[in-house]
Amino acid sequence: MHFVETKFNKVIVLTIKGNLVQKDETDKLQKRILDILGNDKKFIVVDLKQVSMITSLGIGGLIRALRTVREKDGDLRLSAVNASVRKVFTITKLEEVIKIFDTSDEAVKSFD
């Protein structure tokens, strides 16, 4: 798993390439979020379009990332979530906690 960061003014789009299935992967995500926050960026979009597999550990990692960002007075949004993962967010009502957008562009614009 690796990351690609793209800056849009005050927003960082963090594209994840790979899987979010194991603890070491969610730990990498958390470290990257902390690095972004350390660079004084508080608004993050996590783009999942290139995530081929995600488990409950991965979803937990995303929620942990959201909590970390919000503790720093920022916010985090998700984009390009595949249908099966989105269904999990809907069933568990997590989409009421974390905003999900079809595209990164829509998510970035939502910070305006």
N, C-alpha and C. Protein backbone atom coordinates (compact mmCIF):
# COMPACT_ATOMS: atom_id res chain seq x y z
N MET A 1 0.84 -1.17 0.00
CA MET A 1 0.00 0.00 0.00
C MET A 1 0.89 1.24 0.00
N HIS A 2 0.49 2.22 -0.79
CA HIS A 2 1.18 3.50 -0.75
C HIS A 2 0.17 4.62 -0.99
N PHE A 3 0.64 5.84 -0.83
CA PHE A 3 -0.22 7.02 -0.87
C PHE A 3 0.27 8.00 -1.92
N VAL A 4 -0.68 8.75 -2.46
CA VAL A 4 -0.37 9.88 -3.33
C VAL A 4 -1.13 11.07 -2.75
N GLU A 5 -0.41 12.16 -2.51
CA GLU A 5 -1.03 13.37 -1.97
C GLU A 5 -1.13 14.43 -3.06
N THR A 6 -2.29 15.07 -3.12
CA THR A 6 -2.51 16.17 -4.03
C THR A 6 -3.08 17.32 -3.23
N LYS A 7 -2.51 18.52 -3.41
CA LYS A 7 -2.96 19.69 -2.66
C LYS A 7 -3.92 20.53 -3.49
N PHE A 8 -5.01 20.92 -2.86
CA PHE A 8 -5.98 21.83 -3.45
C PHE A 8 -6.24 22.93 -2.43
N ASN A 9 -5.47 24.02 -2.51
CA ASN A 9 -5.56 25.11 -1.54
C ASN A 9 -5.41 24.57 -0.13
N LYS A 10 -6.47 24.62 0.66
CA LYS A 10 -6.39 24.20 2.07
C LYS A 10 -6.68 22.72 2.27
N VAL A 11 -6.96 21.98 1.19
CA VAL A 11 -7.36 20.58 1.28
C VAL A 11 -6.27 19.67 0.69
N ILE A 12 -6.02 18.58 1.38
CA ILE A 12 -5.12 17.54 0.88
C ILE A 12 -5.98 16.34 0.47
N VAL A 13 -5.81 15.88 -0.76
CA VAL A 13 -6.45 14.64 -1.19
C VAL A 13 -5.40 13.54 -1.04
N LEU A 14 -5.72 12.57 -0.20
CA LEU A 14 -4.83 11.45 0.05
C LEU A 14 -5.42 10.23 -0.66
N THR A 15 -4.81 9.85 -1.77
CA THR A 15 -5.26 8.69 -2.52
C THR A 15 -4.52 7.47 -2.02
N ILE A 16 -5.29 6.48 -1.62
CA ILE A 16 -4.70 5.22 -1.14
C ILE A 16 -4.67 4.25 -2.29
N LYS A 17 -3.50 3.65 -2.50
CA LYS A 17 -3.34 2.64 -3.54
C LYS A 17 -2.98 1.33 -2.87
N GLY A 18 -3.88 0.36 -2.94
CA GLY A 18 -3.64 -0.93 -2.30
C GLY A 18 -4.83 -1.35 -1.47
N ASN A 19 -4.56 -2.01 -0.36
CA ASN A 19 -5.61 -2.55 0.49
C ASN A 19 -5.59 -1.91 1.87
N LEU A 20 -6.72 -1.98 2.54
CA LEU A 20 -6.84 -1.59 3.95
C LEU A 20 -7.44 -2.78 4.68
N VAL A 21 -6.62 -3.78 4.92
CA VAL A 21 -7.14 -5.01 5.51
C VAL A 21 -6.41 -5.44 6.77
N GLN A 22 -5.19 -4.98 6.97
CA GLN A 22 -4.39 -5.42 8.11
C GLN A 22 -4.01 -4.25 8.99
N LYS A 23 -3.63 -4.56 10.22
CA LYS A 23 -3.28 -3.52 11.18
C LYS A 23 -2.12 -2.66 10.70
N ASP A 24 -1.10 -3.26 10.09
CA ASP A 24 0.04 -2.46 9.63
C ASP A 24 -0.38 -1.45 8.56
N GLU A 25 -1.38 -1.79 7.76
CA GLU A 25 -1.87 -0.85 6.74
C GLU A 25 -2.64 0.31 7.39
N THR A 26 -3.45 0.00 8.38
CA THR A 26 -4.18 1.08 9.06
C THR A 26 -3.21 1.94 9.88
N ASP A 27 -2.15 1.32 10.40
CA ASP A 27 -1.12 2.10 11.10
C ASP A 27 -0.41 3.05 10.15
N LYS A 28 -0.14 2.60 8.92
CA LYS A 28 0.48 3.47 7.90
C LYS A 28 -0.43 4.65 7.58
N LEU A 29 -1.73 4.37 7.49
CA LEU A 29 -2.70 5.44 7.23
C LEU A 29 -2.67 6.45 8.37
N GLN A 30 -2.69 5.97 9.60
CA GLN A 30 -2.67 6.87 10.75
C GLN A 30 -1.40 7.72 10.77
N LYS A 31 -0.26 7.11 10.46
CA LYS A 31 1.00 7.86 10.43
C LYS A 31 0.95 8.95 9.36
N ARG A 32 0.42 8.60 8.20
CA ARG A 32 0.34 9.58 7.11
C ARG A 32 -0.59 10.74 7.49
N ILE A 33 -1.70 10.43 8.14
CA ILE A 33 -2.63 11.48 8.60
C ILE A 33 -1.92 12.39 9.59
N LEU A 34 -1.17 11.82 10.52
CA LEU A 34 -0.43 12.62 11.49
C LEU A 34 0.61 13.49 10.80
N ASP A 35 1.27 12.96 9.77
CA ASP A 35 2.25 13.75 9.01
C ASP A 35 1.57 14.94 8.33
N ILE A 36 0.40 14.72 7.75
CA ILE A 36 -0.33 15.80 7.09
C ILE A 36 -0.72 16.86 8.11
N LEU A 37 -1.24 16.43 9.24
CA LEU A 37 -1.62 17.37 10.29
C LEU A 37 -0.40 18.13 10.81
N GLY A 38 0.74 17.47 10.87
CA GLY A 38 1.97 18.10 11.31
C GLY A 38 2.45 19.18 10.36
N ASN A 39 2.02 19.09 9.10
CA ASN A 39 2.35 20.11 8.10
C ASN A 39 1.30 21.21 8.04
N ASP A 40 0.49 21.28 9.08
CA ASP A 40 -0.52 22.33 9.25
C ASP A 40 -1.66 22.25 8.24
N LYS A 41 -1.93 21.08 7.73
CA LYS A 41 -3.09 20.86 6.86
C LYS A 41 -4.14 20.14 7.69
N LYS A 42 -5.36 20.68 7.72
CA LYS A 42 -6.39 20.11 8.59
C LYS A 42 -7.59 19.57 7.84
N PHE A 43 -7.64 19.75 6.54
CA PHE A 43 -8.78 19.30 5.76
C PHE A 43 -8.30 18.24 4.77
N ILE A 44 -8.80 17.03 4.94
CA ILE A 44 -8.29 15.88 4.21
C ILE A 44 -9.43 15.11 3.55
N VAL A 45 -9.21 14.75 2.29
CA VAL A 45 -10.09 13.85 1.57
C VAL A 45 -9.31 12.56 1.37
N VAL A 46 -9.87 11.44 1.81
CA VAL A 46 -9.25 10.14 1.57
C VAL A 46 -9.98 9.52 0.38
N ASP A 47 -9.24 9.40 -0.72
CA ASP A 47 -9.78 8.86 -1.96
C ASP A 47 -9.53 7.35 -1.97
N LEU A 48 -10.62 6.59 -2.06
CA LEU A 48 -10.53 5.13 -1.98
C LEU A 48 -10.72 4.43 -3.33
N LYS A 49 -10.68 5.18 -4.43
CA LYS A 49 -10.98 4.57 -5.73
C LYS A 49 -9.98 3.47 -6.11
N GLN A 50 -8.76 3.50 -5.56
CA GLN A 50 -7.77 2.49 -5.91
C GLN A 50 -7.55 1.49 -4.78
N VAL A 51 -8.49 1.46 -3.83
CA VAL A 51 -8.42 0.46 -2.76
C VAL A 51 -9.17 -0.77 -3.25
N SER A 52 -8.44 -1.87 -3.39
CA SER A 52 -9.05 -3.07 -3.95
C SER A 52 -9.78 -3.90 -2.90
N MET A 53 -9.38 -3.76 -1.61
CA MET A 53 -10.04 -4.52 -0.57
C MET A 53 -9.97 -3.75 0.75
N ILE A 54 -11.05 -3.80 1.52
CA ILE A 54 -11.09 -3.16 2.82
C ILE A 54 -11.85 -4.08 3.78
N THR A 55 -11.36 -4.19 5.01
CA THR A 55 -12.02 -5.02 6.02
C THR A 55 -12.50 -4.12 7.16
N SER A 56 -13.04 -4.75 8.17
CA SER A 56 -13.48 -3.99 9.34
C SER A 56 -12.29 -3.27 9.99
N LEU A 57 -11.10 -3.85 9.93
CA LEU A 57 -9.91 -3.16 10.42
C LEU A 57 -9.65 -1.88 9.63
N GLY A 58 -9.83 -1.96 8.33
CA GLY A 58 -9.65 -0.80 7.48
C GLY A 58 -10.67 0.29 7.77
N ILE A 59 -11.91 -0.11 7.95
CA ILE A 59 -12.95 0.86 8.30
C ILE A 59 -12.65 1.47 9.65
N GLY A 60 -12.21 0.65 10.59
CA GLY A 60 -11.80 1.17 11.89
C GLY A 60 -10.66 2.16 11.77
N GLY A 61 -9.71 1.88 10.87
CA GLY A 61 -8.59 2.78 10.64
C GLY A 61 -9.05 4.12 10.09
N LEU A 62 -10.05 4.10 9.22
CA LEU A 62 -10.60 5.35 8.69
C LEU A 62 -11.30 6.15 9.78
N ILE A 63 -12.02 5.46 10.65
CA ILE A 63 -12.70 6.15 11.76
C ILE A 63 -11.66 6.72 12.73
N ARG A 64 -10.60 5.98 12.98
CA ARG A 64 -9.52 6.49 13.84
C ARG A 64 -8.88 7.73 13.22
N ALA A 65 -8.68 7.71 11.91
CA ALA A 65 -8.13 8.87 11.21
C ALA A 65 -9.06 10.07 11.33
N LEU A 66 -10.36 9.83 11.18
CA LEU A 66 -11.34 10.90 11.32
C LEU A 66 -11.26 11.52 12.71
N ARG A 67 -11.22 10.68 13.72
CA ARG A 67 -11.14 11.17 15.10
C ARG A 67 -9.87 11.99 15.33
N THR A 68 -8.76 11.52 14.80
CA THR A 68 -7.49 12.23 14.93
C THR A 68 -7.56 13.62 14.30
N VAL A 69 -8.13 13.69 13.10
CA VAL A 69 -8.23 14.97 12.39
C VAL A 69 -9.17 15.92 13.13
N ARG A 70 -10.28 15.41 13.59
CA ARG A 70 -11.24 16.27 14.29
C ARG A 70 -10.69 16.76 15.63
N GLU A 71 -9.84 15.98 16.27
CA GLU A 71 -9.20 16.42 17.51
C GLU A 71 -8.27 17.62 17.26
N LYS A 72 -7.83 17.77 16.02
CA LYS A 72 -6.95 18.89 15.64
C LYS A 72 -7.74 20.01 14.96
N ASP A 73 -9.07 20.01 15.17
CA ASP A 73 -9.97 21.03 14.61
C ASP A 73 -10.04 21.01 13.09
N GLY A 74 -9.85 19.84 12.52
CA GLY A 74 -9.97 19.68 11.08
C GLY A 74 -11.15 18.79 10.74
N ASP A 75 -11.19 18.32 9.51
CA ASP A 75 -12.21 17.37 9.12
C ASP A 75 -11.69 16.49 8.00
N LEU A 76 -12.30 15.34 7.87
CA LEU A 76 -11.89 14.34 6.89
C LEU A 76 -13.14 13.86 6.17
N ARG A 77 -13.01 13.68 4.87
CA ARG A 77 -14.10 13.15 4.06
C ARG A 77 -13.57 12.00 3.21
N LEU A 78 -14.46 11.14 2.78
CA LEU A 78 -14.10 10.03 1.92
C LEU A 78 -14.64 10.26 0.52
N SER A 79 -13.93 9.74 -0.46
CA SER A 79 -14.44 9.80 -1.84
C SER A 79 -14.19 8.48 -2.54
N ALA A 80 -15.00 8.24 -3.57
CA ALA A 80 -14.87 7.08 -4.45
C ALA A 80 -14.89 5.76 -3.67
N VAL A 81 -15.80 5.66 -2.72
CA VAL A 81 -15.95 4.44 -1.92
C VAL A 81 -16.72 3.42 -2.75
N ASN A 82 -16.20 2.20 -2.85
CA ASN A 82 -16.89 1.20 -3.67
C ASN A 82 -18.22 0.80 -3.03
N ALA A 83 -19.08 0.19 -3.82
CA ALA A 83 -20.46 -0.09 -3.40
C ALA A 83 -20.56 -0.96 -2.15
N SER A 84 -19.73 -1.98 -2.06
CA SER A 84 -19.83 -2.88 -0.90
C SER A 84 -19.40 -2.18 0.39
N VAL A 85 -18.37 -1.37 0.32
CA VAL A 85 -17.92 -0.63 1.50
C VAL A 85 -18.96 0.43 1.87
N ARG A 86 -19.49 1.08 0.87
CA ARG A 86 -20.51 2.11 1.14
C ARG A 86 -21.72 1.49 1.83
N LYS A 87 -22.06 0.28 1.43
CA LYS A 87 -23.18 -0.42 2.06
C LYS A 87 -22.91 -0.64 3.55
N VAL A 88 -21.68 -1.00 3.89
CA VAL A 88 -21.31 -1.18 5.30
C VAL A 88 -21.46 0.14 6.05
N PHE A 89 -21.02 1.23 5.44
CA PHE A 89 -21.16 2.55 6.08
C PHE A 89 -22.64 2.91 6.27
N THR A 90 -23.47 2.51 5.33
CA THR A 90 -24.91 2.79 5.43
C THR A 90 -25.56 1.95 6.53
N ILE A 91 -25.30 0.64 6.51
CA ILE A 91 -25.90 -0.26 7.50
C ILE A 91 -25.50 0.12 8.92
N THR A 92 -24.24 0.47 9.11
CA THR A 92 -23.75 0.80 10.44
C THR A 92 -24.00 2.26 10.82
N LYS A 93 -24.59 3.00 9.89
CA LYS A 93 -24.88 4.43 10.08
C LYS A 93 -23.61 5.27 10.24
N LEU A 94 -22.49 4.75 9.79
CA LEU A 94 -21.24 5.51 9.85
C LEU A 94 -21.23 6.66 8.86
N GLU A 95 -22.06 6.58 7.81
CA GLU A 95 -22.12 7.68 6.86
C GLU A 95 -22.76 8.92 7.50
N GLU A 96 -23.35 8.76 8.68
CA GLU A 96 -23.84 9.91 9.43
C GLU A 96 -22.70 10.58 10.20
N VAL A 97 -21.60 9.85 10.36
CA VAL A 97 -20.44 10.34 11.10
C VAL A 97 -19.38 10.91 10.16
N ILE A 98 -19.19 10.25 9.04
CA ILE A 98 -18.17 10.67 8.08
C ILE A 98 -18.84 10.92 6.73
N LYS A 99 -18.55 12.06 6.14
CA LYS A 99 -19.17 12.41 4.86
C LYS A 99 -18.48 11.66 3.72
N ILE A 100 -19.32 11.13 2.83
CA ILE A 100 -18.82 10.34 1.70
C ILE A 100 -19.30 10.99 0.40
N PHE A 101 -18.37 11.14 -0.55
CA PHE A 101 -18.68 11.76 -1.84
C PHE A 101 -18.29 10.81 -2.96
N ASP A 102 -18.95 10.97 -4.09
CA ASP A 102 -18.67 10.11 -5.24
C ASP A 102 -17.28 10.38 -5.82
N THR A 103 -16.86 11.65 -5.82
CA THR A 103 -15.56 12.01 -6.39
C THR A 103 -14.76 12.87 -5.42
N SER A 104 -13.47 12.92 -5.63
CA SER A 104 -12.61 13.78 -4.81
C SER A 104 -12.93 15.25 -5.05
N ASP A 105 -13.26 15.61 -6.29
CA ASP A 105 -13.61 17.00 -6.59
C ASP A 105 -14.80 17.46 -5.76
N GLU A 106 -15.84 16.61 -5.69
CA GLU A 106 -17.01 16.96 -4.86
C GLU A 106 -16.62 17.10 -3.40
N ALA A 107 -15.78 16.20 -2.91
CA ALA A 107 -15.35 16.25 -1.51
C ALA A 107 -14.54 17.51 -1.23
N VAL A 108 -13.63 17.86 -2.14
CA VAL A 108 -12.82 19.07 -1.96
C VAL A 108 -13.72 20.31 -1.92
N LYS A 109 -14.67 20.38 -2.84
CA LYS A 109 -15.59 21.53 -2.90
C LYS A 109 -16.45 21.64 -1.65
N SER A 110 -16.69 20.52 -0.98
CA SER A 110 -17.53 20.56 0.22
C SER A 110 -16.89 21.28 1.38
N PHE A 111 -15.59 21.53 1.31
CA PHE A 111 -14.88 22.27 2.36
C PHE A 111 -15.04 23.78 2.22
N ASP A 112 -15.54 24.24 1.07
CA ASP A 112 -15.69 25.68 0.84
C ASP A 112 -16.77 26.28 1.71
